[in-house]
């Protein structure tokens, strides 16, 4: 990946003032033979090592997020997820600046028991978040563990979630609150989906992925709503990871796919007409007029 460079990592720290960088990784790439979990891809592990080295060199932490939407597209963790974390945890458990986000965006179901403890859904056996946490801790690792909510990481509704807290320490609950015309549009929405849990439960939360661009959550009045959202997050005292250092998302393009990316040019809401919302826009978006957070 030509833009995965030390310069990109340095831009995250010096331009974005970030103290953490997330990398989405997948078990389907770690294990070339998906029927043999004893053999790993050395080049893939080397790329992960490079990410850790560069981030730590820049005095930043690294989150490895188990992501499968572009590979197996499972809605929840399965047995290979356990195999993945056994390998990755053993490799990085002595580096406390590496954090583990156990599964990206549990989705297409609403069942807190399934989320917590696993079970069978549509004849598929899924692994619960507690089992992933226990798998990591069984290696002796004390690294921070991050666990995303239901609804693609968007929901920690207080009335139900309060009865499904995970056992263990150093666990952070992670929210992905993308704005849309039907959700996360007002403070009342934010409080209902996750804010009450942040306020009432004595456990840490963070926003692990967020943006406001066409294709990743979009509202036409974003220039008004986004400042309200960011102020609300700040009032709650929780951190936020923005997605992502790519053209059309957090940075602007030079309008040419082969041009070097300029980390210093952020997207913004600076057009006279409201942005057009679409769910089909792919990234990178090389339009120099791309709107974004």
Protein backbone atom coordinates (compact mmCIF):
# COMPACT_ATOMS: atom_id res chain seq x y z
CA UNK A 1 0.00 0.00 0.00
CA UNK A 2 1.93 2.97 -1.33
CA UNK A 3 0.60 5.50 1.18
CA UNK A 4 1.41 3.38 4.23
CA UNK A 5 4.57 5.30 5.06
CA UNK A 6 6.41 6.83 7.96
CA UNK A 7 5.37 10.24 6.62
CA UNK A 8 1.72 9.28 7.08
CA UNK A 9 2.38 8.28 10.68
CA UNK A 10 4.26 11.50 11.34
CA UNK A 11 1.35 13.48 9.87
CA UNK A 12 -1.04 11.79 12.27
CA UNK A 13 1.04 13.11 15.16
CA UNK A 14 2.25 16.51 13.93
CA UNK A 15 -0.75 17.67 11.86
CA UNK A 16 -3.63 15.79 13.52
CA UNK A 17 -2.09 15.88 17.00
CA UNK A 18 -3.06 12.25 17.49
CA UNK A 19 -1.75 9.97 20.21
CA UNK A 20 -3.10 6.76 18.66
CA UNK A 21 -3.45 5.21 15.19
CA UNK A 22 -5.79 2.36 14.29
CA UNK A 23 -5.00 -0.33 11.75
CA UNK A 24 -7.73 -2.63 10.51
CA UNK A 25 -6.42 -6.16 10.09
CA UNK A 26 -8.10 -9.43 9.17
CA UNK A 27 -7.60 -13.07 10.05
CA UNK A 28 -8.18 -14.03 6.39
CA UNK A 29 -4.91 -12.27 5.50
CA UNK A 30 -2.98 -13.45 8.53
CA UNK A 31 -3.71 -17.11 7.69
CA UNK A 32 -3.06 -17.72 3.95
CA UNK A 33 -4.54 -21.22 4.22
CA UNK A 34 -7.83 -20.62 5.98
CA UNK A 35 -8.00 -24.29 6.91
CA UNK A 36 -4.63 -24.19 8.66
CA UNK A 37 -4.26 -21.72 11.50
CA UNK A 38 -0.78 -22.96 12.35
CA UNK A 39 0.76 -21.11 9.38
CA UNK A 40 0.84 -17.32 9.25
CA UNK A 41 1.88 -14.92 6.51
CA UNK A 42 5.27 -13.48 7.52
CA UNK A 43 4.84 -10.42 5.27
CA UNK A 44 1.55 -9.56 6.94
CA UNK A 45 3.09 -9.83 10.40
CA UNK A 46 6.03 -7.71 9.22
CA UNK A 47 3.62 -4.99 8.07
CA UNK A 48 1.98 -5.05 11.51
CA UNK A 49 5.42 -4.83 13.13
CA UNK A 50 6.24 -1.82 10.95
CA UNK A 51 3.05 -0.08 12.02
CA UNK A 52 3.95 -0.61 15.67
CA UNK A 53 7.54 0.55 15.19
CA UNK A 54 6.60 3.74 13.37
CA UNK A 55 3.79 4.64 15.76
CA UNK A 56 5.86 4.04 18.87
CA UNK A 57 8.75 5.96 17.32
CA UNK A 58 6.37 8.92 17.01
CA UNK A 59 5.24 8.45 20.63
CA UNK A 60 1.83 7.16 19.57
CA UNK A 61 -0.08 4.03 20.50
CA UNK A 62 -1.42 1.46 18.02
CA UNK A 63 -4.85 -0.16 17.90
CA UNK A 64 -5.19 -3.37 15.90
CA UNK A 65 -8.86 -3.78 14.97
CA UNK A 66 -10.03 -7.20 13.74
CA UNK A 67 -11.93 -6.30 10.58
CA UNK A 68 -13.59 -8.74 8.17
CA UNK A 69 -16.06 -6.72 6.10
CA UNK A 70 -13.83 -6.81 3.01
CA UNK A 71 -12.97 -10.50 3.40
CA UNK A 72 -15.25 -13.04 5.11
CA UNK A 73 -17.92 -10.46 6.09
CA UNK A 74 -18.97 -12.27 9.27
CA UNK A 75 -21.45 -10.36 11.43
CA UNK A 76 -19.75 -11.50 14.63
CA UNK A 77 -16.60 -13.23 15.74
CA UNK A 78 -16.08 -16.92 14.96
CA UNK A 79 -13.43 -19.50 15.86
CA UNK A 80 -10.80 -18.01 13.48
CA UNK A 81 -11.11 -14.77 15.45
CA UNK A 82 -9.84 -16.63 18.49
CA UNK A 83 -6.94 -18.06 16.49
CA UNK A 84 -6.11 -14.57 15.24
CA UNK A 85 -5.94 -13.07 18.71
CA UNK A 86 -3.87 -15.93 20.07
CA UNK A 87 -1.20 -15.16 17.47
CA UNK A 88 -1.37 -11.36 17.66
CA UNK A 89 -1.53 -11.20 21.44
CA UNK A 90 1.50 -13.43 21.86
CA UNK A 91 3.41 -11.19 19.46
CA UNK A 92 2.63 -7.86 21.16
CA UNK A 93 1.74 -8.63 24.76
CA UNK A 94 5.03 -7.21 26.01
CA UNK A 95 4.35 -3.85 24.35
CA UNK A 96 1.75 -1.96 26.37
CA UNK A 97 1.46 0.66 23.61
CA UNK A 98 -0.35 -1.88 21.43
CA UNK A 99 -4.10 -2.16 22.02
CA UNK A 100 -6.52 -4.84 20.80
CA UNK A 101 -9.94 -3.96 19.32
CA UNK A 102 -11.44 -7.44 19.30
CA UNK A 103 -14.04 -7.28 16.48
CA UNK A 104 -15.09 -4.55 14.09
CA UNK A 105 -18.75 -3.53 14.10
CA UNK A 106 -20.91 -6.46 15.28
CA UNK A 107 -23.96 -6.08 13.07
CA UNK A 108 -27.24 -7.35 11.64
CA UNK A 109 -28.57 -8.61 14.96
CA UNK A 110 -29.75 -7.17 18.25
CA UNK A 111 -29.14 -9.60 21.08
CA UNK A 112 -26.98 -8.58 24.02
CA UNK A 113 -26.64 -12.21 25.16
CA UNK A 114 -25.26 -13.19 21.75
CA UNK A 115 -22.94 -10.18 21.79
CA UNK A 116 -21.63 -11.02 25.24
CA UNK A 117 -21.54 -14.81 25.32
CA UNK A 118 -21.90 -16.00 21.75
CA UNK A 119 -24.34 -18.57 20.41
CA UNK A 120 -26.03 -19.78 17.26
CA UNK A 121 -27.79 -17.46 14.82
CA UNK A 122 -29.11 -18.63 11.46
CA UNK A 123 -27.24 -21.92 11.91
CA UNK A 124 -23.89 -20.17 12.43
CA UNK A 125 -21.98 -20.48 15.70
CA UNK A 126 -20.58 -17.18 16.91
CA UNK A 127 -18.07 -16.33 19.61
CA UNK A 128 -19.02 -13.76 22.21
CA UNK A 129 -17.01 -10.72 23.21
CA UNK A 130 -16.32 -12.26 26.62
CA UNK A 131 -14.61 -15.23 25.00
CA UNK A 132 -12.39 -12.92 22.92
CA UNK A 133 -11.43 -10.98 26.06
CA UNK A 134 -10.72 -14.22 27.91
CA UNK A 135 -8.61 -15.49 24.97
CA UNK A 136 -6.38 -12.43 25.14
CA UNK A 137 -6.06 -12.50 28.91
CA UNK A 138 -5.23 -16.23 28.87
CA UNK A 139 -1.91 -15.37 27.21
CA UNK A 140 -0.96 -13.18 30.15
CA UNK A 141 -1.42 -9.99 28.14
CA UNK A 142 -2.52 -6.91 30.10
CA UNK A 143 -2.78 -4.63 27.04
CA UNK A 144 -5.85 -2.45 26.70
CA UNK A 145 -8.76 -4.31 25.11
CA UNK A 146 -11.43 -2.49 23.13
CA UNK A 147 -14.91 -3.89 22.53
CA UNK A 148 -17.43 -2.36 20.12
CA UNK A 149 -21.16 -2.25 20.64
CA UNK A 150 -23.99 -3.68 18.59
CA UNK A 151 -25.51 -2.14 15.49
CA UNK A 152 -22.12 -1.86 13.79
CA UNK A 153 -20.58 -0.42 16.92
CA UNK A 154 -23.26 2.24 17.31
CA UNK A 155 -25.31 1.00 20.25
CA UNK A 156 -24.65 0.80 23.97
CA UNK A 157 -28.23 1.51 25.06
CA UNK A 158 -28.17 1.89 28.82
CA UNK A 159 -31.40 0.02 29.65
CA UNK A 160 -29.95 -3.24 28.27
CA UNK A 161 -26.18 -2.85 28.14
CA UNK A 162 -25.90 -2.24 31.89
CA UNK A 163 -26.66 -5.94 32.43
CA UNK A 164 -24.04 -7.17 29.95
CA UNK A 165 -20.77 -5.63 31.08
CA UNK A 166 -17.79 -7.86 30.40
CA UNK A 167 -15.64 -9.44 33.08
CA UNK A 168 -12.06 -8.27 33.28
CA UNK A 169 -9.88 -5.19 33.56
CA UNK A 170 -8.42 -2.70 31.09
CA UNK A 171 -11.51 -2.95 28.85
CA UNK A 172 -12.72 0.07 26.88
CA UNK A 173 -16.13 0.11 25.21
CA UNK A 174 -15.93 1.55 21.70
CA UNK A 175 -18.61 3.53 19.82
CA UNK A 176 -18.89 4.14 16.04
CA UNK A 177 -21.49 6.94 15.95
CA UNK A 178 -21.78 7.82 12.28
CA UNK A 179 -24.40 10.50 11.66
CA UNK A 180 -27.31 9.88 9.31
CA UNK A 181 -30.83 11.24 8.78
CA UNK A 182 -32.23 8.38 10.91
CA UNK A 183 -29.74 8.17 13.78
CA UNK A 184 -27.13 10.13 15.74
CA UNK A 185 -28.61 13.38 14.51
CA UNK A 186 -29.43 15.06 17.86
CA UNK A 187 -28.19 15.01 21.43
CA UNK A 188 -31.28 13.03 22.35
CA UNK A 189 -30.18 10.37 19.84
CA UNK A 190 -26.65 10.31 21.21
CA UNK A 191 -27.86 9.97 24.77
CA UNK A 192 -30.25 7.16 23.89
CA UNK A 193 -27.74 5.17 21.83
CA UNK A 194 -24.73 5.46 24.13
CA UNK A 195 -24.54 8.71 26.14
CA UNK A 196 -26.55 7.42 29.11
CA UNK A 197 -24.20 4.46 29.42
CA UNK A 198 -21.17 6.76 29.30
CA UNK A 199 -22.69 8.94 32.02
CA UNK A 200 -24.14 6.26 34.30
CA UNK A 201 -21.76 3.32 34.09
CA UNK A 202 -18.39 3.35 35.81
CA UNK A 203 -16.51 1.97 32.80
CA UNK A 204 -14.42 3.72 30.12
CA UNK A 205 -15.74 4.54 26.66
CA UNK A 206 -14.21 6.01 23.52
CA UNK A 207 -15.29 6.78 19.97
CA UNK A 208 -13.17 4.42 17.95
CA UNK A 209 -14.23 5.46 14.46
CA UNK A 210 -16.08 8.54 13.22
CA UNK A 211 -16.35 10.82 10.25
CA UNK A 212 -18.93 12.90 8.43
CA UNK A 213 -18.56 12.34 4.71
CA UNK A 214 -20.67 10.90 1.91
CA UNK A 215 -20.42 7.14 2.04
CA UNK A 216 -19.60 6.88 5.75
CA UNK A 217 -22.57 8.57 7.37
CA UNK A 218 -23.84 11.84 6.05
CA UNK A 219 -26.35 14.60 6.84
CA UNK A 220 -26.98 17.68 4.74
CA UNK A 221 -26.78 20.02 7.76
CA UNK A 222 -23.45 18.61 8.89
CA UNK A 223 -21.84 22.03 9.33
CA UNK A 224 -24.37 22.67 12.12
CA UNK A 225 -24.61 19.21 13.66
CA UNK A 226 -20.92 18.30 13.72
CA UNK A 227 -19.85 21.08 16.15
CA UNK A 228 -22.72 20.11 18.47
CA UNK A 229 -21.65 16.48 18.30
CA UNK A 230 -17.99 17.25 19.00
CA UNK A 231 -18.93 19.51 21.92
CA UNK A 232 -21.09 16.75 23.38
CA UNK A 233 -18.24 14.25 23.09
CA UNK A 234 -15.89 16.71 24.76
CA UNK A 235 -18.35 17.30 27.60
CA UNK A 236 -18.46 13.56 28.24
CA UNK A 237 -14.66 13.49 28.36
CA UNK A 238 -14.18 10.61 25.93
CA UNK A 239 -11.59 10.32 23.18
CA UNK A 240 -12.24 10.11 19.45
CA UNK A 241 -10.48 8.39 16.56
CA UNK A 242 -11.26 9.92 13.17
CA UNK A 243 -11.56 7.84 10.00
CA UNK A 244 -9.33 8.10 7.95
CA UNK A 245 -6.18 9.70 6.54
CA UNK A 246 -7.34 9.24 2.95
CA UNK A 247 -8.45 11.73 0.26
CA UNK A 248 -12.13 12.59 0.50
CA UNK A 249 -12.30 11.55 4.12
CA UNK A 250 -9.92 13.59 6.28
CA UNK A 251 -7.65 15.05 3.61
CA UNK A 252 -8.19 16.63 0.21
CA UNK A 253 -6.82 15.30 -3.04
CA UNK A 254 -4.90 17.02 -5.82
CA UNK A 255 -7.50 15.57 -8.23
CA UNK A 256 -5.08 12.96 -9.57
CA UNK A 257 -5.02 9.36 -8.31
CA UNK A 258 -1.25 9.02 -8.78
CA UNK A 259 -0.32 12.25 -7.00
CA UNK A 260 1.23 12.11 -3.55
CA UNK A 261 -1.24 12.62 -0.73
CA UNK A 262 -0.95 15.93 1.10
CA UNK A 263 -1.60 15.32 4.79
CA UNK A 264 -1.75 19.06 5.50
CA UNK A 265 -4.91 19.77 3.49
CA UNK A 266 -7.97 18.75 5.52
CA UNK A 267 -11.43 18.31 4.09
CA UNK A 268 -13.97 20.82 5.38
CA UNK A 269 -17.47 22.18 4.84
CA UNK A 270 -16.54 25.17 2.70
CA UNK A 271 -18.86 24.91 -0.30
CA UNK A 272 -21.81 27.27 -0.81
CA UNK A 273 -24.23 24.39 -1.39
CA UNK A 274 -24.84 21.53 1.09
CA UNK A 275 -22.93 18.35 0.47
CA UNK A 276 -24.70 15.60 -1.43
CA UNK A 277 -25.15 12.49 0.67
CA UNK A 278 -24.69 9.10 -0.92
CA UNK A 279 -23.94 5.63 0.41
CA UNK A 280 -22.17 4.52 -2.76
CA UNK A 281 -19.11 6.76 -2.72
CA UNK A 282 -15.87 4.82 -2.53
CA UNK A 283 -12.58 5.94 -1.02
CA UNK A 284 -10.16 7.36 -1.84
CA UNK A 285 -12.25 10.16 -3.36
CA UNK A 286 -9.91 12.34 -5.43
CA UNK A 287 -12.34 15.22 -5.89
CA UNK A 288 -10.57 18.41 -4.73
CA UNK A 289 -13.92 19.77 -3.56
CA UNK A 290 -14.77 16.77 -1.38
CA UNK A 291 -16.56 17.76 1.81
CA UNK A 292 -15.72 16.17 5.13
CA UNK A 293 -15.12 16.43 8.82
